[in-house]
Structures are given as C-alpha cells and as structure tokens.
Amino acid sequence: MKSIFVTLVAVSCTVALFAGGIALGQSTNWMDELTGSVKFYQSRYPATNNVPANWDPYLSELKLIKKAAIRGDLQAVRVGMGDWFKMLKNREHGIHPKAADELFHIAVLATPFEEYKISVPDK
C-alpha cells in the first residue's frame, strides 16, 4: 500500500512539473517570436543611410524580459516591454524606420498585454 502511495505521489509531481514546464514555455513563446523578428530585420536592415544600426540593445532587452518572465517578475516584464517599445518608437540605436515600424506592429500583435498588464503603446 505504501509503495502505491509513493508511486502516485511521484507520478503526480512529475505531471505537475511537466505541465508547469509546458505553461512556462507557452508564456515565453511570444518573446522568442519577437527575438526572431528582430534578428530578421537586423539582417534585412543592417544600416540606415549607410550608418550601421546597433540591434544589440533590442536583443538584450528581450533577453532580460524573458528571464524576468521565467522568474515570474511581472513588473520587470512590464517595465522592460515599455522600454523596448520606446526604443522602437524613437528608432534608437540607428535602426531603419521601416524596420522599427514593422517590429512595432509585430510586437503589438504578439505581446500578451493583459497577462503582464502592459500598457498598449501609442504609435
């Protein structure tokens, strides 16, 4: 009887950990999508008016946001996404305006605003 109980507890814990891992993966998929989009536009628009763009701050911010989401730090995700949207809006670090606009629209579609209580940015 005791071995059956131990087995049931072990199976329950395994299922809970597995389900939690799936939920975590789903909650950060949108960040992976944004990272992939940044890399695509980085290769498509490496410079603006023959001046190299610096895409690293955009990728670094997304990396920090993902780490915050994994930790469950919703405030850091909110602040980080606010900063990320501001960088796009201001076309910081010399990124091409067309890339900034397209990334902004992709981010608006991909970001789960309600889940993280992120304010919808004005364009």
PDB file of N, CA and C in Angstrom:
ATOM      1  N   MET A   1       0.819  -1.195   0.000  1.00  0.00           N
ATOM      2  CA  MET A   1       0.000   0.000   0.000  1.00  0.00           C
ATOM      3  C   MET A   1       0.871   1.272   0.000  1.00  0.00           C
ATOM      4  N   LYS A   2       1.933   1.227   0.826  1.00  0.00           N
ATOM      5  CA  LYS A   2       2.815   2.387   0.907  1.00  0.00           C
ATOM      6  C   LYS A   2       3.519   2.630  -0.426  1.00  0.00           C
ATOM      7  N   SER A   3       3.920   1.573  -1.127  1.00  0.00           N
ATOM      8  CA  SER A   3       4.612   1.739  -2.406  1.00  0.00           C
ATOM      9  C   SER A   3       3.674   2.315  -3.475  1.00  0.00           C
ATOM     10  N   ILE A   4       2.397   1.951  -3.417  1.00  0.00           N
ATOM     11  CA  ILE A   4       1.420   2.513  -4.363  1.00  0.00           C
ATOM     12  C   ILE A   4       1.258   4.009  -4.109  1.00  0.00           C
ATOM     13  N   PHE A   5       1.179   4.381  -2.836  1.00  0.00           N
ATOM     14  CA  PHE A   5       1.041   5.796  -2.488  1.00  0.00           C
ATOM     15  C   PHE A   5       2.265   6.592  -2.944  1.00  0.00           C
ATOM     16  N   VAL A   6       3.456   6.066  -2.702  1.00  0.00           N
ATOM     17  CA  VAL A   6       4.696   6.735  -3.112  1.00  0.00           C
ATOM     18  C   VAL A   6       4.735   6.880  -4.635  1.00  0.00           C
ATOM     19  N   THR A   7       4.310   5.837  -5.341  1.00  0.00           N
ATOM     20  CA  THR A   7       4.277   5.887  -6.805  1.00  0.00           C
ATOM     21  C   THR A   7       3.302   6.949  -7.285  1.00  0.00           C
ATOM     22  N   LEU A   8       2.115   6.996  -6.679  1.00  0.00           N
ATOM     23  CA  LEU A   8       1.121   8.011  -7.067  1.00  0.00           C
ATOM     24  C   LEU A   8       1.632   9.423  -6.819  1.00  0.00           C
ATOM     25  N   VAL A   9       2.285   9.625  -5.697  1.00  0.00           N
ATOM     26  CA  VAL A   9       2.838  10.951  -5.394  1.00  0.00           C
ATOM     27  C   VAL A   9       3.920  11.308  -6.412  1.00  0.00           C
ATOM     28  N   ALA A  10       4.794  10.357  -6.726  1.00  0.00           N
ATOM     29  CA  ALA A  10       5.860  10.618  -7.698  1.00  0.00           C
ATOM     30  C   ALA A  10       5.286  10.943  -9.074  1.00  0.00           C
ATOM     31  N   VAL A  11       4.290  10.205  -9.507  1.00  0.00           N
ATOM     32  CA  VAL A  11       3.654  10.454 -10.806  1.00  0.00           C
ATOM     33  C   VAL A  11       2.968  11.816 -10.800  1.00  0.00           C
ATOM     34  N   SER A  12       2.288  12.145  -9.715  1.00  0.00           N
ATOM     35  CA  SER A  12       1.606  13.448  -9.623  1.00  0.00           C
ATOM     36  C   SER A  12       2.605  14.598  -9.704  1.00  0.00           C
ATOM     37  N   CYS A  13       3.720  14.455  -8.994  1.00  0.00           N
ATOM     38  CA  CYS A  13       4.744  15.503  -9.037  1.00  0.00           C
ATOM     39  C   CYS A  13       5.334  15.643 -10.430  1.00  0.00           C
ATOM     40  N   THR A  14       5.575  14.521 -11.085  1.00  0.00           N
ATOM     41  CA  THR A  14       6.124  14.550 -12.441  1.00  0.00           C
ATOM     42  C   THR A  14       5.172  15.241 -13.398  1.00  0.00           C
ATOM     43  N   VAL A  15       3.892  14.896 -13.298  1.00  0.00           N
ATOM     44  CA  VAL A  15       2.880  15.514 -14.171  1.00  0.00           C
ATOM     45  C   VAL A  15       2.799  17.010 -13.900  1.00  0.00           C
ATOM     46  N   ALA A  16       2.827  17.410 -12.633  1.00  0.00           N
ATOM     47  CA  ALA A  16       2.756  18.832 -12.293  1.00  0.00           C
ATOM     48  C   ALA A  16       3.958  19.590 -12.831  1.00  0.00           C
ATOM     49  N   LEU A  17       5.149  19.019 -12.690  1.00  0.00           N
ATOM     50  CA  LEU A  17       6.354  19.679 -13.211  1.00  0.00           C
ATOM     51  C   LEU A  17       6.322  19.765 -14.734  1.00  0.00           C
ATOM     52  N   PHE A  18       5.880  18.706 -15.374  1.00  0.00           N
ATOM     53  CA  PHE A  18       5.798  18.700 -16.833  1.00  0.00           C
ATOM     54  C   PHE A  18       4.798  19.736 -17.316  1.00  0.00           C
ATOM     55  N   ALA A  19       3.624  19.786 -16.688  1.00  0.00           N
ATOM     56  CA  ALA A  19       2.596  20.757 -17.081  1.00  0.00           C
ATOM     57  C   ALA A  19       3.084  22.178 -16.838  1.00  0.00           C
ATOM     58  N   GLY A  20       3.793  22.388 -15.729  1.00  0.00           N
ATOM     59  CA  GLY A  20       4.349  23.714 -15.451  1.00  0.00           C
ATOM     60  C   GLY A  20       5.367  24.119 -16.488  1.00  0.00           C
ATOM     61  N   GLY A  21       6.173  23.177 -16.943  1.00  0.00           N
ATOM     62  CA  GLY A  21       7.161  23.456 -17.983  1.00  0.00           C
ATOM     63  C   GLY A  21       6.509  23.828 -19.286  1.00  0.00           C
ATOM     64  N   ILE A  22       5.420  23.158 -19.634  1.00  0.00           N
ATOM     65  CA  ILE A  22       4.677  23.490 -20.852  1.00  0.00           C
ATOM     66  C   ILE A  22       4.081  24.884 -20.738  1.00  0.00           C
ATOM     67  N   ALA A  23       3.487  25.198 -19.592  1.00  0.00           N
ATOM     68  CA  ALA A  23       2.885  26.527 -19.408  1.00  0.00           C
ATOM     69  C   ALA A  23       3.951  27.610 -19.484  1.00  0.00           C
ATOM     70  N   LEU A  24       5.113  27.354 -18.884  1.00  0.00           N
ATOM     71  CA  LEU A  24       6.207  28.330 -18.935  1.00  0.00           C
ATOM     72  C   LEU A  24       6.661  28.546 -20.367  1.00  0.00           C
ATOM     73  N   GLY A  25       6.810  27.464 -21.111  1.00  0.00           N
ATOM     74  CA  GLY A  25       7.228  27.577 -22.495  1.00  0.00           C
ATOM     75  C   GLY A  25       6.239  28.360 -23.327  1.00  0.00           C
ATOM     76  N   GLN A  26       4.969  28.148 -23.079  1.00  0.00           N
ATOM     77  CA  GLN A  26       3.952  28.875 -23.832  1.00  0.00           C
ATOM     78  C   GLN A  26       3.958  30.348 -23.457  1.00  0.00           C
ATOM     79  N   SER A  27       4.246  30.651 -22.193  1.00  0.00           N
ATOM     80  CA  SER A  27       4.185  32.047 -21.772  1.00  0.00           C
ATOM     81  C   SER A  27       5.354  32.874 -22.295  1.00  0.00           C
ATOM     82  N   THR A  28       6.427  32.231 -22.747  1.00  0.00           N
ATOM     83  CA  THR A  28       7.556  32.988 -23.277  1.00  0.00           C
ATOM     84  C   THR A  28       7.718  32.833 -24.790  1.00  0.00           C
ATOM     85  N   ASN A  29       6.841  32.095 -25.437  1.00  0.00           N
ATOM     86  CA  ASN A  29       6.940  31.922 -26.895  1.00  0.00           C
ATOM     87  C   ASN A  29       6.872  33.255 -27.625  1.00  0.00           C
ATOM     88  N   TRP A  30       6.082  34.175 -27.132  1.00  0.00           N
ATOM     89  CA  TRP A  30       5.941  35.469 -27.798  1.00  0.00           C
ATOM     90  C   TRP A  30       7.262  36.240 -27.772  1.00  0.00           C
ATOM     91  N   MET A  31       8.052  36.040 -26.721  1.00  0.00           N
ATOM     92  CA  MET A  31       9.349  36.712 -26.637  1.00  0.00           C
ATOM     93  C   MET A  31      10.326  36.111 -27.648  1.00  0.00           C
ATOM     94  N   ASP A  32      10.236  34.798 -27.825  1.00  0.00           N
ATOM     95  CA  ASP A  32      11.065  34.140 -28.838  1.00  0.00           C
ATOM     96  C   ASP A  32      10.676  34.619 -30.233  1.00  0.00           C
ATOM     97  N   GLU A  33       9.378  34.826 -30.438  1.00  0.00           N
ATOM     98  CA  GLU A  33       8.905  35.347 -31.734  1.00  0.00           C
ATOM     99  C   GLU A  33       9.451  36.748 -31.979  1.00  0.00           C
ATOM    100  N   LEU A  34       9.428  37.583 -30.958  1.00  0.00           N
ATOM    101  CA  LEU A  34       9.969  38.945 -31.108  1.00  0.00           C
ATOM    102  C   LEU A  34      11.477  38.917 -31.358  1.00  0.00           C
ATOM    103  N   THR A  35      12.185  38.050 -30.659  1.00  0.00           N
ATOM    104  CA  THR A  35      13.630  37.926 -30.868  1.00  0.00           C
ATOM    105  C   THR A  35      13.927  37.492 -32.298  1.00  0.00           C
ATOM    106  N   GLY A  36      13.172  36.516 -32.793  1.00  0.00           N
ATOM    107  CA  GLY A  36      13.355  36.073 -34.174  1.00  0.00           C
ATOM    108  C   GLY A  36      13.069  37.180 -35.168  1.00  0.00           C
ATOM    109  N   SER A  37      12.048  37.991 -34.875  1.00  0.00           N
ATOM    110  CA  SER A  37      11.705  39.110 -35.759  1.00  0.00           C
ATOM    111  C   SER A  37      12.814  40.163 -35.766  1.00  0.00           C
ATOM    112  N   VAL A  38      13.369  40.448 -34.598  1.00  0.00           N
ATOM    113  CA  VAL A  38      14.473  41.419 -34.526  1.00  0.00           C
ATOM    114  C   VAL A  38      15.656  40.913 -35.352  1.00  0.00           C
ATOM    115  N   LYS A  39      15.975  39.638 -35.214  1.00  0.00           N
ATOM    116  CA  LYS A  39      17.101  39.078 -35.975  1.00  0.00           C
ATOM    117  C   LYS A  39      16.848  39.134 -37.483  1.00  0.00           C
ATOM    118  N   PHE A  40      15.591  38.908 -37.876  1.00  0.00           N
ATOM    119  CA  PHE A  40      15.246  39.004 -39.294  1.00  0.00           C
ATOM    120  C   PHE A  40      15.471  40.424 -39.801  1.00  0.00           C
ATOM    121  N   TYR A  41      14.961  41.421 -39.088  1.00  0.00           N
ATOM    122  CA  TYR A  41      15.117  42.809 -39.523  1.00  0.00           C
ATOM    123  C   TYR A  41      16.563  43.285 -39.388  1.00  0.00           C
ATOM    124  N   GLN A  42      17.287  42.730 -38.438  1.00  0.00           N
ATOM    125  CA  GLN A  42      18.709  43.049 -38.304  1.00  0.00           C
ATOM    126  C   GLN A  42      19.458  42.640 -39.569  1.00  0.00           C
ATOM    127  N   SER A  43      19.113  41.479 -40.109  1.00  0.00           N
ATOM    128  CA  SER A  43      19.793  41.034 -41.330  1.00  0.00           C
ATOM    129  C   SER A  43      19.287  41.787 -42.563  1.00  0.00           C
ATOM    130  N   ARG A  44      18.051  42.208 -42.521  1.00  0.00           N
ATOM    131  CA  ARG A  44      17.458  42.902 -43.672  1.00  0.00           C
ATOM    132  C   ARG A  44      17.825  44.390 -43.717  1.00  0.00           C
ATOM    133  N   TYR A  45      17.962  44.988 -42.544  1.00  0.00           N
ATOM    134  CA  TYR A  45      18.276  46.418 -42.442  1.00  0.00           C
ATOM    135  C   TYR A  45      19.482  46.619 -41.512  1.00  0.00           C
ATOM    136  N   PRO A  46      20.664  46.227 -41.945  1.00  0.00           N
ATOM    137  CA  PRO A  46      21.837  46.360 -41.070  1.00  0.00           C
ATOM    138  C   PRO A  46      22.295  47.808 -40.873  1.00  0.00           C
ATOM    139  N   ALA A  47      21.824  48.710 -41.737  1.00  0.00           N
ATOM    140  CA  ALA A  47      22.256  50.112 -41.650  1.00  0.00           C
ATOM    141  C   ALA A  47      21.116  51.039 -42.070  1.00  0.00           C
ATOM    142  N   THR A  48      21.244  52.282 -41.637  1.00  0.00           N
ATOM    143  CA  THR A  48      20.328  53.334 -42.050  1.00  0.00           C
ATOM    144  C   THR A  48      21.178  54.452 -42.633  1.00  0.00           C
ATOM    145  N   ASN A  49      20.938  54.787 -43.892  1.00  0.00           N
ATOM    146  CA  ASN A  49      21.732  55.802 -44.573  1.00  0.00           C
ATOM    147  C   ASN A  49      23.233  55.498 -44.475  1.00  0.00           C
ATOM    148  N   ASN A  50      23.577  54.241 -44.704  1.00  0.00           N
ATOM    149  CA  ASN A  50      24.959  53.753 -44.683  1.00  0.00           C
ATOM    150  C   ASN A  50      25.641  53.850 -43.317  1.00  0.00           C
ATOM    151  N   VAL A  51      24.857  54.056 -42.253  1.00  0.00           N
ATOM    152  CA  VAL A  51      25.389  54.058 -40.892  1.00  0.00           C
ATOM    153  C   VAL A  51      24.908  52.770 -40.224  1.00  0.00           C
ATOM    154  N   PRO A  52      25.834  51.929 -39.753  1.00  0.00           N
ATOM    155  CA  PRO A  52      25.415  50.654 -39.147  1.00  0.00           C
ATOM    156  C   PRO A  52      24.486  50.857 -37.953  1.00  0.00           C
ATOM    157  N   ALA A  53      23.444  50.054 -37.912  1.00  0.00           N
ATOM    158  CA  ALA A  53      22.498  50.092 -36.793  1.00  0.00           C
ATOM    159  C   ALA A  53      23.017  49.182 -35.681  1.00  0.00           C
ATOM    160  N   ASN A  54      22.683  49.521 -34.465  1.00  0.00           N
ATOM    161  CA  ASN A  54      23.059  48.688 -33.312  1.00  0.00           C
ATOM    162  C   ASN A  54      21.802  47.976 -32.808  1.00  0.00           C
ATOM    163  N   TRP A  55      21.669  46.725 -33.172  1.00  0.00           N
ATOM    164  CA  TRP A  55      20.497  45.932 -32.800  1.00  0.00           C
ATOM    165  C   TRP A  55      20.664  45.254 -31.441  1.00  0.00           C
ATOM    166  N   ASP A  56      21.874  45.253 -30.901  1.00  0.00           N
ATOM    167  CA  ASP A  56      22.138  44.547 -29.647  1.00  0.00           C
ATOM    168  C   ASP A  56      21.258  45.002 -28.478  1.00  0.00           C
ATOM    169  N   PRO A  57      21.002  46.300 -28.302  1.00  0.00           N
ATOM    170  CA  PRO A  57      20.142  46.690 -27.180  1.00  0.00           C
ATOM    171  C   PRO A  57      18.726  46.105 -27.275  1.00  0.00           C
ATOM    172  N   TYR A  58      18.212  45.949 -28.478  1.00  0.00           N
ATOM    173  CA  TYR A  58      16.879  45.366 -28.650  1.00  0.00           C
ATOM    174  C   TYR A  58      16.881  43.891 -28.244  1.00  0.00           C
ATOM    175  N   LEU A  59      17.912  43.180 -28.677  1.00  0.00           N
ATOM    176  CA  LEU A  59      18.018  41.761 -28.338  1.00  0.00           C
ATOM    177  C   LEU A  59      18.318  41.563 -26.851  1.00  0.00           C
ATOM    178  N   SER A  60      19.167  42.415 -26.302  1.00  0.00           N
ATOM    179  CA  SER A  60      19.497  42.325 -24.877  1.00  0.00           C
ATOM    180  C   SER A  60      18.280  42.573 -24.007  1.00  0.00           C
ATOM    181  N   GLU A  61      17.490  43.559 -24.378  1.00  0.00           N
ATOM    182  CA  GLU A  61      16.282  43.869 -23.601  1.00  0.00           C
ATOM    183  C   GLU A  61      15.305  42.702 -23.637  1.00  0.00           C
ATOM    184  N   LEU A  62      15.138  42.096 -24.799  1.00  0.00           N
ATOM    185  CA  LEU A  62      14.238  40.939 -24.895  1.00  0.00           C
ATOM    186  C   LEU A  62      14.752  39.767 -24.060  1.00  0.00           C
ATOM    187  N   LYS A  63      16.061  39.605 -24.009  1.00  0.00           N
ATOM    188  CA  LYS A  63      16.650  38.530 -23.201  1.00  0.00           C
ATOM    189  C   LYS A  63      16.363  38.774 -21.711  1.00  0.00           C
ATOM    190  N   LEU A  64      16.521  40.012 -21.280  1.00  0.00           N
ATOM    191  CA  LEU A  64      16.230  40.358 -19.885  1.00  0.00           C
ATOM    192  C   LEU A  64      14.751  40.167 -19.567  1.00  0.00           C
ATOM    193  N   ILE A  65      13.891  40.543 -20.507  1.00  0.00           N
ATOM    194  CA  ILE A  65      12.451  40.400 -20.309  1.00  0.00           C
ATOM    195  C   ILE A  65      12.082  38.926 -20.175  1.00  0.00           C
ATOM    196  N   LYS A  66      12.667  38.086 -21.010  1.00  0.00           N
ATOM    197  CA  LYS A  66      12.373  36.657 -20.937  1.00  0.00           C
ATOM    198  C   LYS A  66      12.816  36.075 -19.597  1.00  0.00           C
ATOM    199  N   LYS A  67      14.000  36.459 -19.134  1.00  0.00           N
ATOM    200  CA  LYS A  67      14.475  35.981 -17.833  1.00  0.00           C
ATOM    201  C   LYS A  67      13.530  36.425 -16.717  1.00  0.00           C
ATOM    202  N   ALA A  68      13.045  37.662 -16.816  1.00  0.00           N
ATOM    203  CA  ALA A  68      12.097  38.157 -15.816  1.00  0.00           C
ATOM    204  C   ALA A  68      10.798  37.358 -15.844  1.00  0.00           C
ATOM    205  N   ALA A  69      10.318  37.042 -17.032  1.00  0.00           N
ATOM    206  CA  ALA A  69       9.084  36.258 -17.159  1.00  0.00           C
ATOM    207  C   ALA A  69       9.265  34.868 -16.567  1.00  0.00           C
ATOM    208  N   ILE A  70      10.412  34.262 -16.804  1.00  0.00           N
ATOM    209  CA  ILE A  70      10.690  32.926 -16.262  1.00  0.00           C
ATOM    210  C   ILE A  70      10.729  32.971 -14.732  1.00  0.00           C
ATOM    211  N   ARG A  71      11.260  34.059 -14.185  1.00  0.00           N
ATOM    212  CA  ARG A  71      11.293  34.232 -12.727  1.00  0.00           C
ATOM    213  C   ARG A  71       9.921  34.569 -12.160  1.00  0.00           C
ATOM    214  N   GLY A  72       8.996  34.971 -13.030  1.00  0.00           N
ATOM    215  CA  GLY A  72       7.672  35.385 -12.572  1.00  0.00           C
ATOM    216  C   GLY A  72       7.617  36.842 -12.157  1.00  0.00           C
ATOM    217  N   ASP A  73       8.598  37.632 -12.578  1.00  0.00           N
ATOM    218  CA  ASP A  73       8.673  39.053 -12.226  1.00  0.00           C
ATOM    219  C   ASP A  73       7.878  39.871 -13.246  1.00  0.00           C
ATOM    220  N   LEU A  74       6.584  39.984 -13.008  1.00  0.00           N
ATOM    221  CA  LEU A  74       5.701  40.679 -13.948  1.00  0.00           C
ATOM    222  C   LEU A  74       6.044  42.155 -14.078  1.00  0.00           C
ATOM    223  N   GLN A  75       6.465  42.772 -12.984  1.00  0.00           N
ATOM    224  CA  GLN A  75       6.827  44.195 -13.015  1.00  0.00           C
ATOM    225  C   GLN A  75       8.003  44.431 -13.952  1.00  0.00           C
ATOM    226  N   ALA A  76       9.007  43.560 -13.888  1.00  0.00           N
ATOM    227  CA  ALA A  76      10.176  43.708 -14.764  1.00  0.00           C
ATOM    228  C   ALA A  76       9.788  43.505 -16.231  1.00  0.00           C
ATOM    229  N   VAL A  77       8.852  42.591 -16.490  1.00  0.00           N
ATOM    230  CA  VAL A  77       8.381  42.390 -17.863  1.00  0.00           C
ATOM    231  C   VAL A  77       7.668  43.650 -18.350  1.00  0.00           C
ATOM    232  N   ARG A  78       6.804  44.219 -17.502  1.00  0.00           N
ATOM    233  CA  ARG A  78       6.083  45.454 -17.875  1.00  0.00           C
ATOM    234  C   ARG A  78       7.047  46.590 -18.182  1.00  0.00           C
ATOM    235  N   VAL A  79       7.995  46.815 -17.295  1.00  0.00           N
ATOM    236  CA  VAL A  79       8.954  47.912 -17.470  1.00  0.00           C
ATOM    237  C   VAL A  79       9.819  47.653 -18.703  1.00  0.00           C
ATOM    238  N   GLY A  80      10.301  46.425 -18.845  1.00  0.00           N
ATOM    239  CA  GLY A  80      11.160  46.091 -19.977  1.00  0.00           C
ATOM    240  C   GLY A  80      10.452  46.265 -21.308  1.00  0.00           C
ATOM    241  N   MET A  81       9.210  45.823 -21.388  1.00  0.00           N
ATOM    242  CA  MET A  81       8.475  45.987 -22.651  1.00  0.00           C
ATOM    243  C   MET A  81       8.179  47.453 -22.919  1.00  0.00           C
ATOM    244  N   GLY A  82       7.911  48.218 -21.874  1.00  0.00           N
ATOM    245  CA  GLY A  82       7.720  49.657 -22.054  1.00  0.00           C
ATOM    246  C   GLY A  82       8.971  50.299 -22.629  1.00  0.00           C
ATOM    247  N   ASP A  83      10.123  49.923 -22.091  1.00  0.00           N
ATOM    248  CA  ASP A  83      11.397  50.443 -22.607  1.00  0.00           C
ATOM    249  C   ASP A  83      11.626  49.995 -24.051  1.00  0.00           C
ATOM    250  N   TRP A  84      11.296  48.728 -24.334  1.00  0.00           N
ATOM    251  CA  TRP A  84      11.504  48.175 -25.675  1.00  0.00           C
ATOM    252  C   TRP A  84      10.638  48.907 -26.699  1.00  0.00           C
ATOM    253  N   PHE A  85       9.389  49.150 -26.346  1.00  0.00           N
ATOM    254  CA  PHE A  85       8.504  49.890 -27.255  1.00  0.00           C
ATOM    255  C   PHE A  85       8.996  51.323 -27.455  1.00  0.00           C
ATOM    256  N   LYS A  86       9.522  51.945 -26.400  1.00  0.00           N
ATOM    257  CA  LYS A  86      10.067  53.302 -26.539  1.00  0.00           C
ATOM    258  C   LYS A  86      11.262  53.321 -27.488  1.00  0.00           C
ATOM    259  N   MET A  87      12.133  52.318 -27.362  1.00  0.00           N
ATOM    260  CA  MET A  87      13.289  52.245 -28.271  1.00  0.00           C
ATOM    261  C   MET A  87      12.809  52.172 -29.715  1.00  0.00           C
ATOM    262  N   LEU A  88      11.807  51.328 -29.958  1.00  0.00           N
ATOM    263  CA  LEU A  88      11.282  51.216 -31.323  1.00  0.00           C
ATOM    264  C   LEU A  88      10.666  52.528 -31.788  1.00  0.00           C
ATOM    265  N   LYS A  89       9.843  53.114 -30.937  1.00  0.00           N
ATOM    266  CA  LYS A  89       9.147  54.347 -31.299  1.00  0.00           C
ATOM    267  C   LYS A  89      10.141  55.460 -31.632  1.00  0.00           C
ATOM    268  N   ASN A  90      11.220  55.526 -30.870  1.00  0.00           N
ATOM    269  CA  ASN A  90      12.226  56.572 -31.075  1.00  0.00           C
ATOM    270  C   ASN A  90      13.304  56.183 -32.073  1.00  0.00           C
ATOM    271  N   ARG A  91      13.208  54.948 -32.592  1.00  0.00           N
ATOM    272  CA  ARG A  91      14.179  54.425 -33.563  1.00  0.00           C
ATOM    273  C   ARG A  91      15.602  54.550 -33.017  1.00  0.00           C
ATOM    274  N   GLU A  92      15.729  54.203 -31.731  1.00  0.00           N
ATOM    275  CA  GLU A  92      17.026  54.326 -31.071  1.00  0.00           C
ATOM    276  C   GLU A  92      18.050  53.379 -31.680  1.00  0.00           C
ATOM    277  N   HIS A  93      19.276  53.749 -31.543  1.00  0.00           N
ATOM    278  CA  HIS A  93      20.428  52.951 -31.967  1.00  0.00           C
ATOM    279  C   HIS A  93      20.515  52.811 -33.483  1.00  0.00           C
ATOM    280  N   GLY A  94      19.917  53.760 -34.188  1.00  0.00           N
ATOM    281  CA  GLY A  94      20.084  53.853 -35.632  1.00  0.00           C
ATOM    282  C   GLY A  94      19.370  52.807 -36.462  1.00  0.00           C
ATOM    283  N   ILE A  95      18.299  52.199 -35.916  1.00  0.00           N
ATOM    284  CA  ILE A  95      17.615  51.206 -36.736  1.00  0.00           C
ATOM    285  C   ILE A  95      16.760  51.897 -37.793  1.00  0.00           C
ATOM    286  N   HIS A  96      16.561  51.220 -38.878  1.00  0.00           N
ATOM    287  CA  HIS A  96      15.819  51.749 -40.012  1.00  0.00           C
ATOM    288  C   HIS A  96      14.354  51.998 -39.610  1.00  0.00           C
ATOM    289  N   PRO A  97      13.772  53.141 -40.001  1.00  0.00           N
ATOM    290  CA  PRO A  97      12.386  53.443 -39.649  1.00  0.00           C
ATOM    291  C   PRO A  97      11.385  52.369 -40.072  1.00  0.00           C
ATOM    292  N   LYS A  98      11.572  51.799 -41.264  1.00  0.00           N
ATOM    293  CA  LYS A  98      10.650  50.756 -41.715  1.00  0.00           C
ATOM    294  C   LYS A  98      10.735  49.530 -40.807  1.00  0.00           C
ATOM    295  N   ALA A  99      11.945  49.151 -40.413  1.00  0.00           N
ATOM    296  CA  ALA A  99      12.122  48.013 -39.506  1.00  0.00           C
ATOM    297  C   ALA A  99      11.480  48.309 -38.151  1.00  0.00           C
ATOM    298  N   ALA A 100      11.670  49.535 -37.651  1.00  0.00           N
ATOM    299  CA  ALA A 100      11.081  49.916 -36.365  1.00  0.00           C
ATOM    300  C   ALA A 100       9.559  49.833 -36.425  1.00  0.00           C
ATOM    301  N   ASP A 101       8.968  50.356 -37.498  1.00  0.00           N
ATOM    302  CA  ASP A 101       7.509  50.313 -37.641  1.00  0.00           C
ATOM    303  C   ASP A 101       6.982  48.883 -37.722  1.00  0.00           C
ATOM    304  N   GLU A 102       7.642  48.064 -38.512  1.00  0.00           N
ATOM    305  CA  GLU A 102       7.185  46.690 -38.678  1.00  0.00           C
ATOM    306  C   GLU A 102       7.362  45.887 -37.388  1.00  0.00           C
ATOM    307  N   LEU A 103       8.469  46.079 -36.698  1.00  0.00           N
ATOM    308  CA  LEU A 103       8.665  45.403 -35.419  1.00  0.00           C
ATOM    309  C   LEU A 103       7.643  45.859 -34.379  1.00  0.00           C
ATOM    310  N   PHE A 104       7.316  47.128 -34.420  1.00  0.00           N
ATOM    311  CA  PHE A 104       6.311  47.663 -33.501  1.00  0.00           C
ATOM    312  C   PHE A 104       4.979  46.945 -33.724  1.00  0.00           C
ATOM    313  N   HIS A 105       4.578  46.808 -34.980  1.00  0.00           N
ATOM    314  CA  HIS A 105       3.302  46.150 -35.293  1.00  0.00           C
ATOM    315  C   HIS A 105       3.336  44.667 -34.931  1.00  0.00           C
ATOM    316  N   ILE A 106       4.444  44.003 -35.184  1.00  0.00           N
ATOM    317  CA  ILE A 106       4.581  42.598 -34.808  1.00  0.00           C
ATOM    318  C   ILE A 106       4.467  42.450 -33.296  1.00  0.00           C
ATOM    319  N   ALA A 107       5.130  43.332 -32.570  1.00  0.00           N
ATOM    320  CA  ALA A 107       5.101  43.274 -31.105  1.00  0.00           C
ATOM    321  C   ALA A 107       3.703  43.524 -30.560  1.00  0.00           C
ATOM    322  N   VAL A 108       2.969  44.440 -31.169  1.00  0.00           N
ATOM    323  CA  VAL A 108       1.601  44.702 -30.717  1.00  0.00           C
ATOM    324  C   VAL A 108       0.737  43.453 -30.910  1.00  0.00           C
ATOM    325  N   LEU A 109       0.967  42.727 -31.980  1.00  0.00           N
ATOM    326  CA  LEU A 109       0.193  41.509 -32.230  1.00  0.00           C
ATOM    327  C   LEU A 109       0.634  40.357 -31.326  1.00  0.00           C
ATOM    328  N   ALA A 110       1.919  40.269 -31.005  1.00  0.00           N
ATOM    329  CA  ALA A 110       2.447  39.110 -30.277  1.00  0.00           C
ATOM    330  C   ALA A 110       2.407  39.247 -28.758  1.00  0.00           C
ATOM    331  N   THR A 111       2.479  40.461 -28.254  1.00  0.00           N
ATOM    332  CA  THR A 111       2.607  40.678 -26.814  1.00  0.00           C
ATOM    333  C   THR A 111       1.283  40.423 -26.090  1.00  0.00           C
ATOM    334  N   PRO A 112       1.312  39.592 -25.038  1.00  0.00           N
ATOM    335  CA  PRO A 112       0.100  39.366 -24.233  1.00  0.00           C
ATOM    336  C   PRO A 112      -0.069  40.508 -23.212  1.00  0.00           C
ATOM    337  N   PHE A 113      -0.617  41.611 -23.656  1.00  0.00           N
ATOM    338  CA  PHE A 113      -0.721  42.822 -22.839  1.00  0.00           C
ATOM    339  C   PHE A 113      -1.460  42.584 -21.532  1.00  0.00           C
ATOM    340  N   GLU A 114      -2.580  41.876 -21.588  1.00  0.00           N
ATOM    341  CA  GLU A 114      -3.380  41.667 -20.378  1.00  0.00           C
ATOM    342  C   GLU A 114      -2.677  40.766 -19.378  1.00  0.00           C
ATOM    343  N   GLU A 115      -2.026  39.708 -19.866  1.00  0.00           N
ATOM    344  CA  GLU A 115      -1.356  38.761 -18.967  1.00  0.00           C
ATOM    345  C   GLU A 115      -0.303  39.458 -18.120  1.00  0.00           C
ATOM    346  N   TYR A 116       0.430  40.388 -18.706  1.00  0.00           N
ATOM    347  CA  TYR A 116       1.502  41.069 -17.998  1.00  0.00           C
ATOM    348  C   TYR A 116       1.130  42.493 -17.585  1.00  0.00           C
ATOM    349  N   LYS A 117      -0.104  42.874 -17.858  1.00  0.00           N
ATOM    350  CA  LYS A 117      -0.593  44.226 -17.507  1.00  0.00           C
ATOM    351  C   LYS A 117       0.284  45.308 -18.146  1.00  0.00           C
ATOM    352  N   ILE A 118       0.645  45.066 -19.401  1.00  0.00           N
ATOM    353  CA  ILE A 118       1.461  46.017 -20.156  1.00  0.00           C
ATOM    354  C   ILE A 118       0.529  47.016 -20.810  1.00  0.00           C
ATOM    355  N   SER A 119       0.839  48.294 -20.712  1.00  0.00           N
ATOM    356  CA  SER A 119       0.037  49.315 -21.367  1.00  0.00           C
ATOM    357  C   SER A 119       0.247  49.230 -22.865  1.00  0.00           C
ATOM    358  N   VAL A 120      -0.839  49.340 -23.607  1.00  0.00           N
ATOM    359  CA  VAL A 120      -0.741  49.342 -25.065  1.00  0.00           C
ATOM    360  C   VAL A 120      -0.075  50.651 -25.460  1.00  0.00           C
ATOM    361  N   PRO A 121       1.038  50.561 -26.173  1.00  0.00           N
ATOM    362  CA  PRO A 121       1.784  51.782 -26.513  1.00  0.00           C
ATOM    363  C   PRO A 121       1.094  52.582 -27.611  1.00  0.00           C
ATOM    364  N   ASP A 122       1.304  53.878 -27.557  1.00  0.00           N
ATOM    365  CA  ASP A 122       0.830  54.744 -28.652  1.00  0.00           C
ATOM    366  C   ASP A 122       1.912  54.758 -29.707  1.00  0.00           C
ATOM    367  N   LYS A 123       1.504  54.701 -30.951  1.00  0.00           N
ATOM    368  CA  LYS A 123       2.468  54.748 -32.053  1.00  0.00           C
ATOM    369  C   LYS A 123       2.665  56.164 -32.473  1.00  0.00           C
TER     370      LYS A 123
END
